[in-house]
Amino acid sequence: MAYVQIDGVRLEKELLDLAKAHTTGRGEGRISQDEAQDLINSAMDGQGMTATEIATLNYIRENFSLTSAAERVFDEHLK
C-alpha cells in the first residue's frame, strides 16, 4: 500500500488515484453516487476502514467535486 502526505496527514494513494480517475476523462468532472460507492467499497476492502482510509475519504469529500447524491453516500459512511 502506498501513501502520500498532504498537509501533514497520511492519505492512501490508491483511493486518491481512484478519485482522480473518476473526475477526469468522460463525464462532468464530479464524483457521482456510483463512483462514491466505488470509493467506499475500495476503502472497505479489508476488515473495515482504517484511520488512513477514513482520513482519505474525508479529504476526497472536502476537496473533490461531488454530486449531491455522492455527498450523501460519503456522509452516510463517514458519520
N, C-alpha and C. Protein backbone atom coordinates (compact mmCIF):
# COMPACT_ATOMS: atom_id res chain seq x y z
N MET A 1 0.84 -1.17 0.00
CA MET A 1 0.00 0.00 0.00
C MET A 1 0.89 1.25 0.00
N ALA A 2 0.58 2.15 -0.89
CA ALA A 2 1.36 3.40 -0.99
C ALA A 2 0.58 4.53 -0.33
N TYR A 3 1.32 5.44 0.25
CA TYR A 3 0.71 6.57 0.95
C TYR A 3 1.33 7.87 0.46
N VAL A 4 0.57 8.96 0.63
CA VAL A 4 1.07 10.31 0.36
C VAL A 4 0.77 11.16 1.58
N GLN A 5 1.53 12.20 1.73
CA GLN A 5 1.33 13.11 2.86
C GLN A 5 0.82 14.44 2.28
N ILE A 6 -0.34 14.88 2.73
CA ILE A 6 -0.90 16.16 2.31
C ILE A 6 -1.24 16.95 3.56
N ASP A 7 -0.67 18.12 3.67
CA ASP A 7 -0.89 18.98 4.84
C ASP A 7 -0.63 18.23 6.15
N GLY A 8 0.39 17.38 6.16
CA GLY A 8 0.77 16.67 7.36
C GLY A 8 -0.10 15.47 7.69
N VAL A 9 -1.03 15.12 6.78
CA VAL A 9 -1.93 14.00 7.02
C VAL A 9 -1.58 12.88 6.03
N ARG A 10 -1.44 11.67 6.56
CA ARG A 10 -1.13 10.50 5.73
C ARG A 10 -2.41 10.01 5.06
N LEU A 11 -2.37 9.94 3.71
CA LEU A 11 -3.53 9.51 2.93
C LEU A 11 -3.15 8.34 2.04
N GLU A 12 -4.15 7.56 1.67
CA GLU A 12 -3.92 6.39 0.83
C GLU A 12 -3.91 6.78 -0.64
N LYS A 13 -2.78 6.55 -1.29
CA LYS A 13 -2.60 6.95 -2.68
C LYS A 13 -3.60 6.28 -3.61
N GLU A 14 -3.89 5.01 -3.39
CA GLU A 14 -4.81 4.27 -4.26
C GLU A 14 -6.20 4.92 -4.29
N LEU A 15 -6.71 5.32 -3.15
CA LEU A 15 -8.02 5.97 -3.10
C LEU A 15 -7.99 7.33 -3.78
N LEU A 16 -6.92 8.09 -3.58
CA LEU A 16 -6.78 9.38 -4.24
C LEU A 16 -6.71 9.21 -5.76
N ASP A 17 -5.97 8.22 -6.21
CA ASP A 17 -5.86 7.96 -7.64
C ASP A 17 -7.21 7.56 -8.22
N LEU A 18 -7.98 6.78 -7.49
CA LEU A 18 -9.31 6.37 -7.94
C LEU A 18 -10.23 7.58 -8.02
N ALA A 19 -10.17 8.46 -7.04
CA ALA A 19 -10.99 9.68 -7.07
C ALA A 19 -10.61 10.55 -8.26
N LYS A 20 -9.32 10.67 -8.53
CA LYS A 20 -8.86 11.46 -9.69
C LYS A 20 -9.36 10.83 -10.99
N ALA A 21 -9.32 9.50 -11.07
CA ALA A 21 -9.79 8.81 -12.27
C ALA A 21 -11.28 9.05 -12.49
N HIS A 22 -12.03 9.14 -11.40
CA HIS A 22 -13.48 9.36 -11.50
C HIS A 22 -13.81 10.80 -11.90
N THR A 23 -12.87 11.70 -11.77
CA THR A 23 -13.16 13.11 -12.08
C THR A 23 -12.46 13.59 -13.35
N THR A 24 -11.79 12.70 -14.05
CA THR A 24 -11.13 13.08 -15.30
C THR A 24 -11.66 12.20 -16.42
N GLY A 25 -11.43 12.61 -17.65
CA GLY A 25 -11.90 11.81 -18.78
C GLY A 25 -13.36 12.09 -19.07
N ARG A 26 -14.13 11.05 -19.29
CA ARG A 26 -15.55 11.21 -19.60
C ARG A 26 -16.30 11.71 -18.37
N GLY A 27 -17.45 12.33 -18.62
CA GLY A 27 -18.28 12.81 -17.52
C GLY A 27 -18.08 14.29 -17.27
N GLU A 28 -18.72 14.77 -16.22
CA GLU A 28 -18.74 16.20 -15.94
C GLU A 28 -17.67 16.64 -14.95
N GLY A 29 -16.79 15.74 -14.55
CA GLY A 29 -15.71 16.11 -13.65
C GLY A 29 -16.08 16.07 -12.18
N ARG A 30 -17.24 15.49 -11.89
CA ARG A 30 -17.66 15.34 -10.49
C ARG A 30 -17.81 13.86 -10.17
N ILE A 31 -17.62 13.52 -8.92
CA ILE A 31 -17.81 12.14 -8.46
C ILE A 31 -19.31 11.91 -8.30
N SER A 32 -19.80 10.87 -8.97
CA SER A 32 -21.23 10.53 -8.92
C SER A 32 -21.53 9.63 -7.72
N GLN A 33 -22.79 9.33 -7.52
CA GLN A 33 -23.22 8.45 -6.44
C GLN A 33 -22.56 7.07 -6.58
N ASP A 34 -22.58 6.50 -7.79
CA ASP A 34 -21.98 5.18 -8.00
C ASP A 34 -20.47 5.22 -7.79
N GLU A 35 -19.83 6.30 -8.21
CA GLU A 35 -18.39 6.43 -8.03
C GLU A 35 -18.04 6.60 -6.55
N ALA A 36 -18.88 7.33 -5.82
CA ALA A 36 -18.67 7.48 -4.38
C ALA A 36 -18.77 6.12 -3.69
N GLN A 37 -19.76 5.33 -4.10
CA GLN A 37 -19.91 3.99 -3.52
C GLN A 37 -18.71 3.12 -3.88
N ASP A 38 -18.18 3.29 -5.08
CA ASP A 38 -16.98 2.57 -5.50
C ASP A 38 -15.80 2.92 -4.59
N LEU A 39 -15.65 4.20 -4.26
CA LEU A 39 -14.58 4.63 -3.35
C LEU A 39 -14.77 4.04 -1.96
N ILE A 40 -16.00 4.04 -1.46
CA ILE A 40 -16.29 3.47 -0.15
C ILE A 40 -15.97 1.97 -0.16
N ASN A 41 -16.41 1.28 -1.21
CA ASN A 41 -16.15 -0.16 -1.31
C ASN A 41 -14.65 -0.45 -1.37
N SER A 42 -13.92 0.38 -2.07
CA SER A 42 -12.47 0.19 -2.15
C SER A 42 -11.82 0.37 -0.78
N ALA A 43 -12.32 1.33 -0.01
CA ALA A 43 -11.78 1.56 1.34
C ALA A 43 -12.12 0.42 2.29
N MET A 44 -13.23 -0.26 2.03
CA MET A 44 -13.68 -1.34 2.91
C MET A 44 -13.18 -2.70 2.42
N ASP A 45 -12.03 -2.71 1.76
CA ASP A 45 -11.52 -3.94 1.17
C ASP A 45 -11.00 -4.94 2.19
N GLY A 46 -10.73 -4.50 3.38
CA GLY A 46 -10.22 -5.40 4.43
C GLY A 46 -11.32 -5.70 5.43
N GLN A 47 -10.97 -5.63 6.69
CA GLN A 47 -11.95 -5.92 7.74
C GLN A 47 -12.66 -4.67 8.21
N GLY A 48 -12.65 -3.66 7.41
CA GLY A 48 -13.25 -2.38 7.75
C GLY A 48 -12.33 -1.29 7.27
N MET A 49 -12.67 -0.07 7.59
CA MET A 49 -11.85 1.05 7.14
C MET A 49 -10.81 1.41 8.20
N THR A 50 -9.59 1.61 7.73
CA THR A 50 -8.52 2.05 8.62
C THR A 50 -8.64 3.56 8.84
N ALA A 51 -7.93 4.07 9.81
CA ALA A 51 -7.93 5.51 10.06
C ALA A 51 -7.40 6.27 8.84
N THR A 52 -6.43 5.70 8.15
CA THR A 52 -5.88 6.35 6.95
C THR A 52 -6.92 6.38 5.84
N GLU A 53 -7.66 5.30 5.67
CA GLU A 53 -8.71 5.27 4.65
C GLU A 53 -9.81 6.27 4.98
N ILE A 54 -10.19 6.38 6.23
CA ILE A 54 -11.20 7.35 6.64
C ILE A 54 -10.70 8.77 6.39
N ALA A 55 -9.45 9.04 6.74
CA ALA A 55 -8.87 10.37 6.50
C ALA A 55 -8.86 10.68 5.00
N THR A 56 -8.54 9.67 4.19
CA THR A 56 -8.50 9.87 2.75
C THR A 56 -9.89 10.16 2.20
N LEU A 57 -10.89 9.41 2.65
CA LEU A 57 -12.26 9.65 2.20
C LEU A 57 -12.74 11.03 2.64
N ASN A 58 -12.39 11.45 3.84
CA ASN A 58 -12.76 12.79 4.29
C ASN A 58 -12.08 13.85 3.43
N TYR A 59 -10.83 13.62 3.07
CA TYR A 59 -10.10 14.54 2.20
C TYR A 59 -10.80 14.63 0.84
N ILE A 60 -11.17 13.48 0.28
CA ILE A 60 -11.87 13.47 -1.01
C ILE A 60 -13.20 14.20 -0.89
N ARG A 61 -13.93 13.95 0.18
CA ARG A 61 -15.24 14.60 0.39
C ARG A 61 -15.09 16.12 0.42
N GLU A 62 -14.02 16.61 1.00
CA GLU A 62 -13.83 18.06 1.16
C GLU A 62 -13.12 18.72 -0.03
N ASN A 63 -12.37 17.96 -0.83
CA ASN A 63 -11.51 18.58 -1.83
C ASN A 63 -11.82 18.22 -3.28
N PHE A 64 -12.74 17.32 -3.51
CA PHE A 64 -13.13 16.95 -4.86
C PHE A 64 -14.56 17.41 -5.11
N SER A 65 -14.89 17.59 -6.36
CA SER A 65 -16.25 17.98 -6.73
C SER A 65 -17.13 16.73 -6.75
N LEU A 66 -18.24 16.79 -6.02
CA LEU A 66 -19.15 15.64 -5.91
C LEU A 66 -20.57 16.09 -6.24
N THR A 67 -21.36 15.16 -6.77
CA THR A 67 -22.79 15.42 -6.91
C THR A 67 -23.41 15.39 -5.52
N SER A 68 -24.61 15.93 -5.38
CA SER A 68 -25.25 15.91 -4.06
C SER A 68 -25.55 14.48 -3.62
N ALA A 69 -25.84 13.59 -4.56
CA ALA A 69 -26.08 12.18 -4.21
C ALA A 69 -24.78 11.55 -3.70
N ALA A 70 -23.65 11.89 -4.29
CA ALA A 70 -22.36 11.38 -3.83
C ALA A 70 -22.04 11.92 -2.44
N GLU A 71 -22.35 13.17 -2.19
CA GLU A 71 -22.14 13.74 -0.86
C GLU A 71 -22.90 12.95 0.19
N ARG A 72 -24.13 12.56 -0.13
CA ARG A 72 -24.94 11.78 0.81
C ARG A 72 -24.30 10.42 1.09
N VAL A 73 -23.73 9.78 0.05
CA VAL A 73 -23.06 8.49 0.23
C VAL A 73 -21.89 8.65 1.19
N PHE A 74 -21.06 9.67 0.96
CA PHE A 74 -19.93 9.91 1.84
C PHE A 74 -20.41 10.20 3.26
N ASP A 75 -21.38 11.08 3.39
CA ASP A 75 -21.87 11.45 4.72
C ASP A 75 -22.43 10.25 5.48
N GLU A 76 -23.11 9.38 4.77
CA GLU A 76 -23.70 8.18 5.39
C GLU A 76 -22.62 7.25 5.94
N HIS A 77 -21.52 7.12 5.23
CA HIS A 77 -20.46 6.19 5.63
C HIS A 77 -19.41 6.82 6.55
N LEU A 78 -19.34 8.13 6.59
CA LEU A 78 -18.29 8.79 7.37
C LEU A 78 -18.80 9.43 8.64
N LYS A 79 -20.06 9.23 8.98
CA LYS A 79 -20.59 9.86 10.21
C LYS A 79 -20.10 9.18 11.45
